[in-house]
Amino acid sequence: MVIISNVTYPPESTKEIAKRYLKAPVLPAYINKKGPYISAGRTDGMNSITYYELENNRLAEGLQAIAESLAIYFGVPGYNYDLKPYFELEEGLNILGL
């Protein structure tokens, strides 16, 4: 399964985000992080997407570890994030009993 974080912030917060990124806690070994991947837009500001791969049985502790790593950015003006778990299609079908 993967958890995807979607982070947004205004361009004027970029330097503070970068400083805090360098100080962010290391994630546990059971989480395989890909990203962050960054884009910028004139109207939407900065957007960052990161993929975290982990085993299903580690979902709760993985969400907690990722949320704690993103909490370092609290207080940066305009910083927002959301986390969403995504299951493989077969896993979703099993959840539905199919």
C-alpha atoms as a PDB file:
ATOM      1  CA  MET A   1       0.000   0.000   0.000  1.00  0.00           C
ATOM      2  CA  VAL A   2       1.010   3.609  -0.279  1.00  0.00           C
ATOM      3  CA  ILE A   3       0.293   6.738   1.679  1.00  0.00           C
ATOM      4  CA  ILE A   4       0.438   9.955  -0.302  1.00  0.00           C
ATOM      5  CA  SER A   5       1.049  13.342   1.268  1.00  0.00           C
ATOM      6  CA  ASN A   6      -0.011  16.461  -0.566  1.00  0.00           C
ATOM      7  CA  VAL A   7       1.569  19.638   0.809  1.00  0.00           C
ATOM      8  CA  THR A   8       0.876  23.214  -0.249  1.00  0.00           C
ATOM      9  CA  TYR A   9       2.410  26.512   0.818  1.00  0.00           C
ATOM     10  CA  PRO A  10       2.949  29.977  -0.657  1.00  0.00           C
ATOM     11  CA  PRO A  11       6.225  30.738  -2.485  1.00  0.00           C
ATOM     12  CA  GLU A  12       7.311  33.183   0.226  1.00  0.00           C
ATOM     13  CA  SER A  13       7.443  30.254   2.708  1.00  0.00           C
ATOM     14  CA  THR A  14       9.854  28.221   0.559  1.00  0.00           C
ATOM     15  CA  LYS A  15      13.029  29.127   2.467  1.00  0.00           C
ATOM     16  CA  GLU A  16      11.496  28.246   5.829  1.00  0.00           C
ATOM     17  CA  ILE A  17      10.136  24.966   4.439  1.00  0.00           C
ATOM     18  CA  ALA A  18      13.611  24.108   3.097  1.00  0.00           C
ATOM     19  CA  LYS A  19      15.280  24.879   6.456  1.00  0.00           C
ATOM     20  CA  ARG A  20      12.842  22.668   8.321  1.00  0.00           C
ATOM     21  CA  TYR A  21      13.115  19.887   5.712  1.00  0.00           C
ATOM     22  CA  LEU A  22      16.811  19.593   6.509  1.00  0.00           C
ATOM     23  CA  LYS A  23      15.936  19.094  10.189  1.00  0.00           C
ATOM     24  CA  ALA A  24      12.989  16.715   9.705  1.00  0.00           C
ATOM     25  CA  PRO A  25      13.107  13.430  11.633  1.00  0.00           C
ATOM     26  CA  VAL A  26      14.168  10.293   9.791  1.00  0.00           C
ATOM     27  CA  LEU A  27      11.301   7.927   9.020  1.00  0.00           C
ATOM     28  CA  PRO A  28      11.360   4.339  10.306  1.00  0.00           C
ATOM     29  CA  ALA A  29      12.998   1.713   8.074  1.00  0.00           C
ATOM     30  CA  TYR A  30       9.651   0.020   7.300  1.00  0.00           C
ATOM     31  CA  ILE A  31       8.576   3.102   5.285  1.00  0.00           C
ATOM     32  CA  ASN A  32      10.009   3.519   1.782  1.00  0.00           C
ATOM     33  CA  LYS A  33       9.776   7.214   0.896  1.00  0.00           C
ATOM     34  CA  LYS A  34       9.697   8.459  -2.705  1.00  0.00           C
ATOM     35  CA  GLY A  35       9.890  12.179  -3.155  1.00  0.00           C
ATOM     36  CA  PRO A  36       9.056  14.854  -2.382  1.00  0.00           C
ATOM     37  CA  TYR A  37       8.195  15.941  -5.904  1.00  0.00           C
ATOM     38  CA  ILE A  38       7.693  19.697  -6.174  1.00  0.00           C
ATOM     39  CA  SER A  39       5.755  21.914  -8.567  1.00  0.00           C
ATOM     40  CA  ALA A  40       4.983  25.619  -8.545  1.00  0.00           C
ATOM     41  CA  GLY A  41       2.160  27.669  -9.949  1.00  0.00           C
ATOM     42  CA  ARG A  42       1.385  31.353 -10.142  1.00  0.00           C
ATOM     43  CA  THR A  43      -2.009  31.034  -8.502  1.00  0.00           C
ATOM     44  CA  ASP A  44      -1.652  27.885  -6.380  1.00  0.00           C
ATOM     45  CA  GLY A  45       1.835  28.480  -4.967  1.00  0.00           C
ATOM     46  CA  MET A  46       4.043  25.515  -4.160  1.00  0.00           C
ATOM     47  CA  ASN A  47       2.820  21.914  -4.179  1.00  0.00           C
ATOM     48  CA  SER A  48       4.715  18.878  -2.957  1.00  0.00           C
ATOM     49  CA  ILE A  49       3.680  15.232  -3.299  1.00  0.00           C
ATOM     50  CA  THR A  50       5.446  12.385  -1.514  1.00  0.00           C
ATOM     51  CA  TYR A  51       4.766   8.637  -1.742  1.00  0.00           C
ATOM     52  CA  TYR A  52       5.345   6.371   1.238  1.00  0.00           C
ATOM     53  CA  GLU A  53       5.290   2.608   0.657  1.00  0.00           C
ATOM     54  CA  LEU A  54       4.652   0.247   3.550  1.00  0.00           C
ATOM     55  CA  GLU A  55       2.973  -3.014   4.475  1.00  0.00           C
ATOM     56  CA  ASN A  56      -0.761  -2.900   5.256  1.00  0.00           C
ATOM     57  CA  ASN A  57      -0.272  -4.133   8.816  1.00  0.00           C
ATOM     58  CA  ARG A  58       1.817  -1.032   9.545  1.00  0.00           C
ATOM     59  CA  LEU A  59      -0.792   1.507   8.394  1.00  0.00           C
ATOM     60  CA  ALA A  60      -1.596   3.001  11.820  1.00  0.00           C
ATOM     61  CA  GLU A  61       2.005   3.373  12.953  1.00  0.00           C
ATOM     62  CA  GLY A  62       3.051   4.536   9.482  1.00  0.00           C
ATOM     63  CA  LEU A  63       0.429   7.297   9.448  1.00  0.00           C
ATOM     64  CA  GLN A  64       1.587   8.399  12.880  1.00  0.00           C
ATOM     65  CA  ALA A  65       5.277   8.459  11.881  1.00  0.00           C
ATOM     66  CA  ILE A  66       4.556  10.413   8.693  1.00  0.00           C
ATOM     67  CA  ALA A  67       2.288  12.883  10.487  1.00  0.00           C
ATOM     68  CA  GLU A  68       4.997  13.466  13.101  1.00  0.00           C
ATOM     69  CA  SER A  69       7.552  14.109  10.352  1.00  0.00           C
ATOM     70  CA  LEU A  70       5.219  16.661   8.731  1.00  0.00           C
ATOM     71  CA  ALA A  71       4.484  18.384  12.043  1.00  0.00           C
ATOM     72  CA  ILE A  72       7.914  20.058  11.909  1.00  0.00           C
ATOM     73  CA  TYR A  73       6.391  22.467   9.389  1.00  0.00           C
ATOM     74  CA  PHE A  74       3.576  23.633  11.686  1.00  0.00           C
ATOM     75  CA  GLY A  75       3.789  27.385  12.092  1.00  0.00           C
ATOM     76  CA  VAL A  76       5.095  28.051   8.577  1.00  0.00           C
ATOM     77  CA  PRO A  77       2.705  30.633   7.083  1.00  0.00           C
ATOM     78  CA  GLY A  78       0.290  29.062   4.598  1.00  0.00           C
ATOM     79  CA  TYR A  79       1.481  25.460   5.186  1.00  0.00           C
ATOM     80  CA  ASN A  80      -1.217  22.810   4.643  1.00  0.00           C
ATOM     81  CA  TYR A  81      -1.059  19.069   4.155  1.00  0.00           C
ATOM     82  CA  ASP A  82      -3.209  15.982   3.886  1.00  0.00           C
ATOM     83  CA  LEU A  83      -2.379  12.273   4.077  1.00  0.00           C
ATOM     84  CA  LYS A  84      -4.323   9.558   2.288  1.00  0.00           C
ATOM     85  CA  PRO A  85      -3.725   5.813   2.243  1.00  0.00           C
ATOM     86  CA  TYR A  86      -4.195   4.007  -1.076  1.00  0.00           C
ATOM     87  CA  PHE A  87      -4.630   0.255  -1.393  1.00  0.00           C
ATOM     88  CA  GLU A  88      -3.779  -1.896  -4.391  1.00  0.00           C
ATOM     89  CA  LEU A  89      -6.853  -2.832  -6.410  1.00  0.00           C
ATOM     90  CA  GLU A  90      -6.770  -6.442  -5.225  1.00  0.00           C
ATOM     91  CA  GLU A  91      -6.681  -5.284  -1.605  1.00  0.00           C
ATOM     92  CA  GLY A  92      -9.666  -3.051  -2.188  1.00  0.00           C
ATOM     93  CA  LEU A  93     -11.598  -5.898  -3.773  1.00  0.00           C
ATOM     94  CA  ASN A  94     -10.822  -8.094  -0.737  1.00  0.00           C
ATOM     95  CA  ILE A  95     -12.142  -5.370   1.570  1.00  0.00           C
ATOM     96  CA  LEU A  96     -15.372  -5.413  -0.439  1.00  0.00           C
ATOM     97  CA  GLY A  97     -15.570  -9.199  -0.181  1.00  0.00           C
ATOM     98  CA  LEU A  98     -15.084  -9.717  -3.925  1.00  0.00           C
END
